[in-house]
Amino acid sequence: MCWALIRSAMDFFVNISSGEPIEYTPPNPHGVFYGFSNFYYTSSAFNVSKLIPEQLDSFNQSVSKRCSMDWNEVESTDDSYYKAFRCIDGMFLLHALGGMGFTNNSKNQWTISFQYQVNDIFIGWSLGYMLDKSSSFISSYYFTRYPYTTVDLIVGMIVLLILSLIFAIFFAFTCSACSKSLRPTKSGYTNIT
């Protein structure tokens, strides 16, 4: 059931905004990659510090074994505060890696090293920074920035309202002056001067 929920939440073959199916081809990653933040903690819980294509099946079996345990077994084998989340985290990690092309395929030669620190520097903050930057790229792409601020718009509306009132008063005064200068007679209007 958990696999089905994760697959429906992270379906790489469905457009997020419209819900329509799309044709998605996962990339073929090559080289060395680093996993950090939640990937590091999840891999540590399953005693994996480095992952290569040949180890993916054993990692999948470890996650499946953990997810098939009942709660008493989990409590006896894990004293971590996050023990309740390890199953879903492992499934999420496997599904995310599969969607990004990290599969047990002979064409792919990749290595993922799960790191807590690089050169004694904690790297967890960089995930938030990257997500912030990537979301700002998306928002600047989809949304057009309006060149005026809210204060400019309010001032413009007040000026427009004042000009409209001045025009209305001038129009009313002109109509009033014109109607006083013309008097009706039997043959029509005459101008009294």
N, C-alpha and C. Protein backbone atom coordinates (compact mmCIF):
# COMPACT_ATOMS: atom_id res chain seq x y z
N MET A 1 0.82 -1.19 0.00
CA MET A 1 0.00 0.00 0.00
C MET A 1 0.86 1.26 0.00
N CYS A 2 1.96 1.24 0.76
CA CYS A 2 2.83 2.41 0.81
C CYS A 2 3.45 2.69 -0.56
N TRP A 3 3.85 1.60 -1.26
CA TRP A 3 4.42 1.79 -2.59
C TRP A 3 3.41 2.48 -3.50
N ALA A 4 2.16 2.08 -3.43
CA ALA A 4 1.13 2.68 -4.28
C ALA A 4 0.95 4.16 -3.95
N LEU A 5 0.98 4.50 -2.67
CA LEU A 5 0.84 5.90 -2.28
C LEU A 5 2.01 6.74 -2.77
N ILE A 6 3.22 6.21 -2.64
CA ILE A 6 4.39 6.96 -3.10
C ILE A 6 4.36 7.11 -4.61
N ARG A 7 4.01 6.04 -5.31
CA ARG A 7 3.95 6.13 -6.78
C ARG A 7 2.90 7.13 -7.24
N SER A 8 1.78 7.20 -6.54
CA SER A 8 0.76 8.17 -6.94
C SER A 8 1.17 9.59 -6.58
N ALA A 9 1.89 9.76 -5.48
CA ALA A 9 2.33 11.10 -5.09
C ALA A 9 3.47 11.59 -5.96
N MET A 10 4.34 10.68 -6.40
CA MET A 10 5.49 11.06 -7.22
C MET A 10 5.41 10.31 -8.55
N ASP A 11 4.41 10.59 -9.33
CA ASP A 11 4.25 9.93 -10.62
C ASP A 11 5.00 10.74 -11.67
N PHE A 12 6.09 10.19 -12.17
CA PHE A 12 6.91 10.89 -13.15
C PHE A 12 6.25 10.93 -14.52
N PHE A 13 5.18 10.19 -14.71
CA PHE A 13 4.53 10.11 -16.01
C PHE A 13 3.24 10.92 -16.08
N VAL A 14 3.02 11.82 -15.12
CA VAL A 14 1.83 12.67 -15.09
C VAL A 14 2.25 14.11 -14.90
N ASN A 15 1.66 15.00 -15.70
CA ASN A 15 1.91 16.43 -15.55
C ASN A 15 1.29 16.90 -14.24
N ILE A 16 2.07 17.54 -13.39
CA ILE A 16 1.59 17.94 -12.06
C ILE A 16 0.47 18.96 -12.17
N SER A 17 0.60 19.95 -13.05
CA SER A 17 -0.38 21.03 -13.09
C SER A 17 -1.70 20.60 -13.74
N SER A 18 -1.66 19.74 -14.76
CA SER A 18 -2.90 19.38 -15.44
C SER A 18 -3.39 17.97 -15.11
N GLY A 19 -2.53 17.11 -14.61
CA GLY A 19 -2.92 15.74 -14.32
C GLY A 19 -2.97 14.85 -15.54
N GLU A 20 -2.54 15.37 -16.69
CA GLU A 20 -2.56 14.58 -17.91
C GLU A 20 -1.29 13.74 -18.02
N PRO A 21 -1.40 12.57 -18.62
CA PRO A 21 -0.20 11.74 -18.78
C PRO A 21 0.79 12.39 -19.75
N ILE A 22 2.07 12.22 -19.45
CA ILE A 22 3.12 12.73 -20.32
C ILE A 22 4.07 11.59 -20.65
N GLU A 23 4.85 11.80 -21.67
CA GLU A 23 5.85 10.82 -22.03
C GLU A 23 7.15 11.22 -21.35
N TYR A 24 7.57 10.43 -20.40
CA TYR A 24 8.75 10.74 -19.60
C TYR A 24 9.80 9.68 -19.83
N THR A 25 10.99 10.10 -20.19
CA THR A 25 12.11 9.19 -20.34
C THR A 25 13.14 9.55 -19.28
N PRO A 26 13.37 8.68 -18.31
CA PRO A 26 14.36 8.99 -17.29
C PRO A 26 15.74 9.16 -17.91
N PRO A 27 16.53 10.06 -17.35
CA PRO A 27 17.88 10.25 -17.89
C PRO A 27 18.76 9.04 -17.59
N ASN A 28 19.90 8.96 -18.25
CA ASN A 28 20.88 7.90 -18.01
C ASN A 28 22.08 8.53 -17.30
N PRO A 29 22.04 8.58 -15.97
CA PRO A 29 23.14 9.25 -15.26
C PRO A 29 24.43 8.44 -15.32
N HIS A 30 25.53 9.15 -15.41
CA HIS A 30 26.87 8.55 -15.40
C HIS A 30 27.73 9.37 -14.46
N GLY A 31 28.53 8.72 -13.67
CA GLY A 31 29.47 9.44 -12.82
C GLY A 31 29.18 9.28 -11.34
N VAL A 32 29.79 10.17 -10.57
CA VAL A 32 29.68 10.14 -9.12
C VAL A 32 28.71 11.22 -8.67
N PHE A 33 27.77 10.84 -7.82
CA PHE A 33 26.78 11.77 -7.30
C PHE A 33 26.82 11.71 -5.78
N TYR A 34 26.31 12.76 -5.17
CA TYR A 34 26.28 12.83 -3.71
C TYR A 34 24.84 12.96 -3.24
N GLY A 35 24.50 12.20 -2.23
CA GLY A 35 23.20 12.31 -1.59
C GLY A 35 23.40 12.89 -0.20
N PHE A 36 22.59 13.85 0.19
CA PHE A 36 22.74 14.46 1.50
C PHE A 36 21.37 14.78 2.06
N SER A 37 21.35 15.41 3.18
CA SER A 37 20.12 15.76 3.89
C SER A 37 19.36 14.48 4.23
N ASN A 38 18.11 14.37 3.84
CA ASN A 38 17.32 13.19 4.20
C ASN A 38 17.85 11.92 3.54
N PHE A 39 18.44 12.04 2.35
CA PHE A 39 19.03 10.86 1.71
C PHE A 39 20.14 10.27 2.58
N TYR A 40 20.93 11.14 3.20
CA TYR A 40 22.01 10.66 4.08
C TYR A 40 21.45 9.90 5.27
N TYR A 41 20.46 10.48 5.95
CA TYR A 41 19.90 9.85 7.14
C TYR A 41 19.20 8.53 6.80
N THR A 42 18.51 8.50 5.68
CA THR A 42 17.83 7.27 5.28
C THR A 42 18.83 6.18 4.94
N SER A 43 19.86 6.52 4.17
CA SER A 43 20.86 5.51 3.82
C SER A 43 21.61 5.03 5.06
N SER A 44 21.85 5.92 6.02
CA SER A 44 22.53 5.50 7.26
C SER A 44 21.68 4.51 8.04
N ALA A 45 20.38 4.71 8.03
CA ALA A 45 19.49 3.79 8.75
C ALA A 45 19.53 2.39 8.15
N PHE A 46 19.83 2.31 6.85
CA PHE A 46 19.92 1.00 6.18
C PHE A 46 21.38 0.57 5.99
N ASN A 47 22.30 1.23 6.69
CA ASN A 47 23.74 0.91 6.66
C ASN A 47 24.32 0.94 5.25
N VAL A 48 23.98 1.97 4.51
CA VAL A 48 24.50 2.15 3.16
C VAL A 48 25.20 3.50 3.11
N SER A 49 26.49 3.50 2.77
CA SER A 49 27.19 4.77 2.65
C SER A 49 27.47 5.12 1.19
N LYS A 50 27.47 4.08 0.35
CA LYS A 50 27.70 4.30 -1.07
C LYS A 50 26.81 3.33 -1.82
N LEU A 51 26.22 3.80 -2.90
CA LEU A 51 25.29 2.96 -3.66
C LEU A 51 25.74 2.91 -5.11
N ILE A 52 25.85 1.71 -5.64
CA ILE A 52 26.17 1.50 -7.05
C ILE A 52 25.07 0.63 -7.63
N PRO A 53 24.95 0.56 -8.97
CA PRO A 53 23.84 -0.19 -9.57
C PRO A 53 23.72 -1.63 -9.07
N GLU A 54 24.85 -2.29 -8.82
CA GLU A 54 24.81 -3.69 -8.39
C GLU A 54 24.24 -3.83 -6.98
N GLN A 55 24.29 -2.79 -6.16
CA GLN A 55 23.79 -2.85 -4.79
C GLN A 55 22.33 -2.43 -4.68
N LEU A 56 21.76 -1.95 -5.76
CA LEU A 56 20.40 -1.42 -5.71
C LEU A 56 19.39 -2.49 -5.32
N ASP A 57 19.57 -3.71 -5.82
CA ASP A 57 18.64 -4.79 -5.47
C ASP A 57 18.71 -5.14 -3.98
N SER A 58 19.92 -5.17 -3.43
CA SER A 58 20.04 -5.49 -2.00
C SER A 58 19.48 -4.35 -1.14
N PHE A 59 19.65 -3.12 -1.59
CA PHE A 59 19.06 -1.99 -0.86
C PHE A 59 17.53 -2.09 -0.91
N ASN A 60 17.00 -2.44 -2.06
CA ASN A 60 15.55 -2.63 -2.21
C ASN A 60 15.06 -3.74 -1.28
N GLN A 61 15.82 -4.83 -1.18
CA GLN A 61 15.44 -5.93 -0.29
C GLN A 61 15.48 -5.50 1.18
N SER A 62 16.47 -4.67 1.53
CA SER A 62 16.56 -4.17 2.91
C SER A 62 15.35 -3.31 3.26
N VAL A 63 14.96 -2.46 2.30
CA VAL A 63 13.79 -1.61 2.53
C VAL A 63 12.54 -2.47 2.65
N SER A 64 12.38 -3.45 1.76
CA SER A 64 11.21 -4.33 1.81
C SER A 64 11.16 -5.11 3.12
N LYS A 65 12.33 -5.58 3.58
CA LYS A 65 12.38 -6.32 4.84
C LYS A 65 11.97 -5.42 6.00
N ARG A 66 12.47 -4.20 6.00
CA ARG A 66 12.12 -3.25 7.07
C ARG A 66 10.63 -2.94 7.05
N CYS A 67 10.08 -2.78 5.87
CA CYS A 67 8.66 -2.44 5.75
C CYS A 67 7.75 -3.61 6.09
N SER A 68 8.26 -4.83 6.04
CA SER A 68 7.43 -5.98 6.37
C SER A 68 7.45 -6.32 7.86
N MET A 69 8.29 -5.65 8.64
CA MET A 69 8.36 -5.90 10.08
C MET A 69 7.12 -5.36 10.78
N ASP A 70 6.73 -6.04 11.85
CA ASP A 70 5.67 -5.45 12.68
C ASP A 70 6.33 -4.47 13.66
N TRP A 71 5.50 -3.72 14.37
CA TRP A 71 6.02 -2.63 15.19
C TRP A 71 6.92 -3.12 16.33
N ASN A 72 6.62 -4.26 16.90
CA ASN A 72 7.47 -4.80 17.98
C ASN A 72 8.87 -5.11 17.48
N GLU A 73 8.97 -5.66 16.26
CA GLU A 73 10.29 -5.93 15.68
C GLU A 73 11.05 -4.64 15.41
N VAL A 74 10.34 -3.63 14.91
CA VAL A 74 10.98 -2.34 14.63
C VAL A 74 11.52 -1.74 15.91
N GLU A 75 10.74 -1.76 16.98
CA GLU A 75 11.18 -1.19 18.25
C GLU A 75 12.36 -1.95 18.85
N SER A 76 12.42 -3.24 18.63
CA SER A 76 13.53 -4.01 19.19
C SER A 76 14.82 -3.85 18.39
N THR A 77 14.72 -3.52 17.11
CA THR A 77 15.92 -3.40 16.27
C THR A 77 16.40 -1.97 16.08
N ASP A 78 15.55 -0.99 16.35
CA ASP A 78 15.92 0.41 16.08
C ASP A 78 15.52 1.26 17.28
N ASP A 79 16.48 1.98 17.83
CA ASP A 79 16.17 2.86 18.95
C ASP A 79 16.15 4.33 18.52
N SER A 80 16.17 4.57 17.24
CA SER A 80 16.17 5.94 16.72
C SER A 80 14.81 6.60 16.92
N TYR A 81 14.83 7.91 17.07
CA TYR A 81 13.59 8.69 17.18
C TYR A 81 12.77 8.59 15.90
N TYR A 82 13.44 8.44 14.76
CA TYR A 82 12.78 8.43 13.45
C TYR A 82 12.47 7.03 12.95
N LYS A 83 12.45 6.05 13.81
CA LYS A 83 12.24 4.66 13.38
C LYS A 83 10.91 4.45 12.67
N ALA A 84 9.91 5.25 13.01
CA ALA A 84 8.60 5.10 12.37
C ALA A 84 8.62 5.56 10.92
N PHE A 85 9.60 6.37 10.56
CA PHE A 85 9.63 6.94 9.21
C PHE A 85 10.58 6.22 8.26
N ARG A 86 11.39 5.32 8.77
CA ARG A 86 12.43 4.71 7.94
C ARG A 86 11.88 3.92 6.76
N CYS A 87 10.78 3.25 6.93
CA CYS A 87 10.20 2.46 5.85
C CYS A 87 9.78 3.37 4.70
N ILE A 88 8.99 4.38 5.02
CA ILE A 88 8.50 5.28 3.96
C ILE A 88 9.64 6.08 3.35
N ASP A 89 10.64 6.45 4.17
CA ASP A 89 11.80 7.17 3.64
C ASP A 89 12.59 6.30 2.66
N GLY A 90 12.75 5.03 3.01
CA GLY A 90 13.47 4.12 2.11
C GLY A 90 12.73 3.93 0.79
N MET A 91 11.41 3.77 0.86
CA MET A 91 10.63 3.63 -0.38
C MET A 91 10.68 4.90 -1.21
N PHE A 92 10.60 6.05 -0.54
CA PHE A 92 10.69 7.33 -1.24
C PHE A 92 12.04 7.46 -1.94
N LEU A 93 13.11 7.11 -1.24
CA LEU A 93 14.45 7.19 -1.82
C LEU A 93 14.57 6.29 -3.04
N LEU A 94 14.11 5.06 -2.94
CA LEU A 94 14.18 4.14 -4.08
C LEU A 94 13.36 4.64 -5.26
N HIS A 95 12.16 5.14 -4.99
CA HIS A 95 11.30 5.62 -6.07
C HIS A 95 11.89 6.87 -6.73
N ALA A 96 12.42 7.78 -5.91
CA ALA A 96 13.02 9.00 -6.46
C ALA A 96 14.25 8.67 -7.30
N LEU A 97 15.08 7.77 -6.82
CA LEU A 97 16.26 7.37 -7.59
C LEU A 97 15.86 6.71 -8.90
N GLY A 98 14.85 5.85 -8.87
CA GLY A 98 14.37 5.22 -10.10
C GLY A 98 13.83 6.22 -11.09
N GLY A 99 13.10 7.21 -10.60
CA GLY A 99 12.55 8.24 -11.49
C GLY A 99 13.61 9.14 -12.09
N MET A 100 14.74 9.26 -11.39
CA MET A 100 15.83 10.09 -11.91
C MET A 100 16.82 9.29 -12.74
N GLY A 101 16.51 8.03 -12.99
CA GLY A 101 17.35 7.22 -13.87
C GLY A 101 18.37 6.36 -13.16
N PHE A 102 18.42 6.37 -11.85
CA PHE A 102 19.37 5.54 -11.11
C PHE A 102 18.77 4.15 -10.93
N THR A 103 18.92 3.34 -11.96
CA THR A 103 18.36 1.99 -11.94
C THR A 103 19.47 0.97 -12.10
N ASN A 104 19.13 -0.29 -11.94
CA ASN A 104 20.10 -1.37 -12.12
C ASN A 104 20.15 -1.74 -13.59
N ASN A 105 20.71 -0.85 -14.38
CA ASN A 105 20.78 -1.00 -15.82
C ASN A 105 22.24 -1.08 -16.21
N SER A 106 22.57 -1.98 -17.11
CA SER A 106 23.99 -2.14 -17.48
C SER A 106 24.53 -0.91 -18.21
N LYS A 107 23.65 -0.09 -18.80
CA LYS A 107 24.13 1.12 -19.50
C LYS A 107 24.57 2.20 -18.52
N ASN A 108 23.99 2.19 -17.34
CA ASN A 108 24.28 3.24 -16.37
C ASN A 108 25.46 2.85 -15.49
N GLN A 109 26.47 3.69 -15.45
CA GLN A 109 27.59 3.51 -14.54
C GLN A 109 27.61 4.71 -13.61
N TRP A 110 27.01 4.56 -12.45
CA TRP A 110 26.91 5.66 -11.51
C TRP A 110 27.25 5.19 -10.11
N THR A 111 27.58 6.15 -9.29
CA THR A 111 27.84 5.90 -7.87
C THR A 111 27.23 7.04 -7.09
N ILE A 112 26.51 6.72 -6.04
CA ILE A 112 25.98 7.75 -5.15
C ILE A 112 26.65 7.58 -3.80
N SER A 113 27.31 8.62 -3.36
CA SER A 113 27.94 8.62 -2.05
C SER A 113 27.09 9.48 -1.13
N PHE A 114 26.60 8.89 -0.06
CA PHE A 114 25.75 9.62 0.88
C PHE A 114 26.64 10.29 1.93
N GLN A 115 26.61 11.61 1.96
CA GLN A 115 27.52 12.39 2.80
C GLN A 115 26.76 13.25 3.80
N TYR A 116 27.35 13.37 4.99
CA TYR A 116 26.83 14.29 6.00
C TYR A 116 27.57 15.62 5.90
N GLN A 117 28.89 15.54 5.66
CA GLN A 117 29.71 16.73 5.54
C GLN A 117 30.68 16.54 4.38
N VAL A 118 31.08 17.65 3.79
CA VAL A 118 32.11 17.64 2.77
C VAL A 118 33.18 18.62 3.23
N ASN A 119 34.40 18.13 3.38
CA ASN A 119 35.51 18.96 3.89
C ASN A 119 35.13 19.66 5.20
N ASP A 120 34.53 18.93 6.11
CA ASP A 120 34.11 19.43 7.43
C ASP A 120 33.08 20.55 7.35
N ILE A 121 32.34 20.62 6.26
CA ILE A 121 31.28 21.62 6.11
C ILE A 121 29.96 20.89 5.97
N PHE A 122 29.00 21.28 6.80
CA PHE A 122 27.67 20.68 6.74
C PHE A 122 26.98 21.15 5.46
N ILE A 123 26.50 20.21 4.65
CA ILE A 123 25.97 20.58 3.34
C ILE A 123 24.45 20.53 3.27
N GLY A 124 23.77 20.28 4.37
CA GLY A 124 22.32 20.20 4.35
C GLY A 124 21.66 21.51 3.95
N TRP A 125 22.28 22.65 4.29
CA TRP A 125 21.70 23.95 3.96
C TRP A 125 21.62 24.16 2.45
N SER A 126 22.51 23.52 1.70
CA SER A 126 22.54 23.78 0.26
C SER A 126 21.30 23.25 -0.44
N LEU A 127 20.64 22.23 0.11
CA LEU A 127 19.41 21.72 -0.48
C LEU A 127 18.33 22.80 -0.45
N GLY A 128 18.16 23.43 0.70
CA GLY A 128 17.19 24.52 0.80
C GLY A 128 17.53 25.67 -0.12
N TYR A 129 18.81 25.98 -0.22
CA TYR A 129 19.24 27.06 -1.11
C TYR A 129 18.93 26.72 -2.56
N MET A 130 19.22 25.48 -2.96
CA MET A 130 18.95 25.07 -4.34
C MET A 130 17.45 25.08 -4.63
N LEU A 131 16.65 24.59 -3.69
CA LEU A 131 15.20 24.60 -3.89
C LEU A 131 14.67 26.03 -3.99
N ASP A 132 15.23 26.93 -3.17
CA ASP A 132 14.81 28.32 -3.23
C ASP A 132 15.17 28.93 -4.58
N LYS A 133 16.37 28.67 -5.06
CA LYS A 133 16.78 29.22 -6.36
C LYS A 133 15.99 28.60 -7.51
N SER A 134 15.75 27.31 -7.43
CA SER A 134 15.00 26.68 -8.53
C SER A 134 13.56 27.16 -8.55
N SER A 135 12.98 27.41 -7.40
CA SER A 135 11.60 27.91 -7.40
C SER A 135 11.55 29.36 -7.86
N SER A 136 12.62 30.13 -7.62
CA SER A 136 12.60 31.51 -8.10
C SER A 136 12.76 31.54 -9.62
N PHE A 137 13.48 30.58 -10.18
CA PHE A 137 13.57 30.52 -11.63
C PHE A 137 12.19 30.23 -12.23
N ILE A 138 11.49 29.28 -11.62
CA ILE A 138 10.18 28.91 -12.14
C ILE A 138 9.21 30.07 -12.03
N SER A 139 9.19 30.74 -10.88
CA SER A 139 8.24 31.83 -10.71
C SER A 139 8.56 32.99 -11.63
N SER A 140 9.85 33.27 -11.87
CA SER A 140 10.17 34.37 -12.76
C SER A 140 9.85 34.00 -14.21
N TYR A 141 9.83 32.71 -14.51
CA TYR A 141 9.51 32.28 -15.86
C TYR A 141 8.01 32.38 -16.12
N TYR A 142 7.20 31.94 -15.16
CA TYR A 142 5.76 31.89 -15.38
C TYR A 142 5.06 33.21 -15.12
N PHE A 143 5.57 34.01 -14.22
CA PHE A 143 4.87 35.22 -13.82
C PHE A 143 5.62 36.45 -14.32
N THR A 144 4.87 37.39 -14.87
CA THR A 144 5.44 38.64 -15.31
C THR A 144 5.45 39.60 -14.14
N ARG A 145 6.58 40.19 -13.88
CA ARG A 145 6.68 41.16 -12.80
C ARG A 145 6.06 42.47 -13.25
N TYR A 146 5.18 43.03 -12.41
CA TYR A 146 4.55 44.31 -12.70
C TYR A 146 5.52 45.40 -12.30
N PRO A 147 5.76 46.41 -13.15
CA PRO A 147 6.81 47.39 -12.86
C PRO A 147 6.46 48.36 -11.73
N TYR A 148 5.22 48.37 -11.27
CA TYR A 148 4.83 49.32 -10.23
C TYR A 148 4.53 48.59 -8.94
N THR A 149 4.76 49.29 -7.83
CA THR A 149 4.45 48.72 -6.53
C THR A 149 2.99 49.00 -6.18
N THR A 150 2.53 48.46 -5.09
CA THR A 150 1.16 48.67 -4.64
C THR A 150 0.93 50.14 -4.30
N VAL A 151 1.93 50.78 -3.71
CA VAL A 151 1.80 52.21 -3.37
C VAL A 151 1.63 53.03 -4.64
N ASP A 152 2.38 52.73 -5.68
CA ASP A 152 2.24 53.45 -6.94
C ASP A 152 0.83 53.30 -7.50
N LEU A 153 0.29 52.10 -7.41
CA LEU A 153 -1.06 51.88 -7.92
C LEU A 153 -2.11 52.64 -7.11
N ILE A 154 -1.94 52.68 -5.79
CA ILE A 154 -2.89 53.41 -4.95
C ILE A 154 -2.83 54.90 -5.25
N VAL A 155 -1.64 55.45 -5.37
CA VAL A 155 -1.48 56.88 -5.69
C VAL A 155 -2.09 57.16 -7.06
N GLY A 156 -1.85 56.29 -8.02
CA GLY A 156 -2.43 56.47 -9.35
C GLY A 156 -3.95 56.46 -9.32
N MET A 157 -4.52 55.57 -8.54
CA MET A 157 -5.99 55.51 -8.43
C MET A 157 -6.55 56.77 -7.77
N ILE A 158 -5.86 57.29 -6.75
CA ILE A 158 -6.31 58.52 -6.09
C ILE A 158 -6.25 59.69 -7.06
N VAL A 159 -5.17 59.80 -7.82
CA VAL A 159 -5.05 60.88 -8.81
C VAL A 159 -6.15 60.75 -9.85
N LEU A 160 -6.41 59.55 -10.31
CA LEU A 160 -7.48 59.33 -11.30
C LEU A 160 -8.84 59.70 -10.72
N LEU A 161 -9.09 59.38 -9.46
CA LEU A 161 -10.35 59.73 -8.81
C LEU A 161 -10.50 61.25 -8.69
N ILE A 162 -9.44 61.93 -8.29
CA ILE A 162 -9.49 63.40 -8.17
C ILE A 162 -9.74 64.04 -9.52
N LEU A 163 -9.06 63.58 -10.56
CA LEU A 163 -9.27 64.14 -11.90
C LEU A 163 -10.70 63.87 -12.37
N SER A 164 -11.24 62.70 -12.05
CA SER A 164 -12.62 62.40 -12.43
C SER A 164 -13.60 63.32 -11.71
N LEU A 165 -13.36 63.58 -10.43
CA LEU A 165 -14.23 64.50 -9.67
C LEU A 165 -14.15 65.92 -10.23
N ILE A 166 -12.95 66.37 -10.55
CA ILE A 166 -12.79 67.72 -11.14
C ILE A 166 -13.54 67.79 -12.46
N PHE A 167 -13.41 66.77 -13.29
CA PHE A 167 -14.12 66.76 -14.57
C PHE A 167 -15.63 66.76 -14.37
N ALA A 168 -16.12 65.97 -13.39
CA ALA A 168 -17.56 65.91 -13.12
C ALA A 168 -18.08 67.26 -12.62
N ILE A 169 -17.34 67.92 -11.74
CA ILE A 169 -17.75 69.25 -11.24
C ILE A 169 -17.74 70.26 -12.38
N PHE A 170 -16.70 70.24 -13.21
CA PHE A 170 -16.63 71.16 -14.34
C PHE A 170 -17.79 70.90 -15.31
N PHE A 171 -18.09 69.64 -15.57
CA PHE A 171 -19.19 69.30 -16.47
C PHE A 171 -20.53 69.76 -15.90
N ALA A 172 -20.74 69.56 -14.59
CA ALA A 172 -21.99 69.99 -13.95
C ALA A 172 -22.10 71.51 -13.97
N PHE A 173 -21.03 72.22 -13.72
CA PHE A 173 -21.03 73.69 -13.75
C PHE A 173 -21.33 74.20 -15.16
N THR A 174 -20.73 73.58 -16.16
CA THR A 174 -20.96 74.00 -17.55
C THR A 174 -22.41 73.75 -17.95
N CYS A 175 -22.95 72.61 -17.60
CA CYS A 175 -24.35 72.32 -17.92
C CYS A 175 -25.28 73.28 -17.20
N SER A 176 -24.97 73.60 -15.96
CA SER A 176 -25.79 74.53 -15.19
C SER A 176 -25.74 75.93 -15.80
N ALA A 177 -24.58 76.36 -16.21
CA ALA A 177 -24.43 77.69 -16.80
C ALA A 177 -25.15 77.76 -18.14
N CYS A 178 -25.07 76.68 -18.91
CA CYS A 178 -25.73 76.67 -20.21
C CYS A 178 -27.25 76.68 -20.05
N SER A 179 -27.76 75.95 -19.07
CA SER A 179 -29.21 75.89 -18.91
C SER A 179 -29.77 77.21 -18.38
N LYS A 180 -29.01 77.98 -17.62
CA LYS A 180 -29.47 79.27 -17.13
C LYS A 180 -29.46 80.32 -18.24
N SER A 181 -28.54 80.19 -19.16
CA SER A 181 -28.44 81.20 -20.21
C SER A 181 -29.48 81.00 -21.30
N LEU A 182 -30.09 79.85 -21.38
CA LEU A 182 -31.12 79.60 -22.39
C LEU A 182 -32.48 79.52 -21.70
N ARG A 183 -33.46 80.31 -22.20
CA ARG A 183 -34.81 80.27 -21.64
C ARG A 183 -35.76 79.80 -22.72
N PRO A 184 -36.69 78.98 -22.32
CA PRO A 184 -37.65 78.51 -23.33
C PRO A 184 -38.67 79.59 -23.68
N THR A 185 -39.03 79.68 -24.94
CA THR A 185 -40.10 80.56 -25.43
C THR A 185 -41.03 79.71 -26.26
N LYS A 186 -42.11 80.35 -26.78
CA LYS A 186 -43.03 79.59 -27.61
C LYS A 186 -42.39 79.16 -28.91
N SER A 187 -41.49 79.96 -29.42
CA SER A 187 -40.86 79.60 -30.69
C SER A 187 -39.56 78.83 -30.50
N GLY A 188 -39.10 78.65 -29.28
CA GLY A 188 -37.85 77.92 -29.01
C GLY A 188 -37.07 78.60 -27.91
N TYR A 189 -35.80 78.35 -27.85
CA TYR A 189 -34.94 78.92 -26.82
C TYR A 189 -34.37 80.23 -27.30
N THR A 190 -34.29 81.18 -26.38
CA THR A 190 -33.65 82.46 -26.70
C THR A 190 -32.53 82.69 -25.73
N ASN A 191 -31.55 83.34 -26.18
CA ASN A 191 -30.39 83.63 -25.36
C ASN A 191 -30.59 84.96 -24.67
N ILE A 192 -30.54 85.01 -23.36
CA ILE A 192 -30.70 86.25 -22.61
C ILE A 192 -29.32 86.75 -22.26
N THR A 193 -29.01 87.91 -22.79
CA THR A 193 -27.72 88.51 -22.45
C THR A 193 -27.84 89.92 -22.02
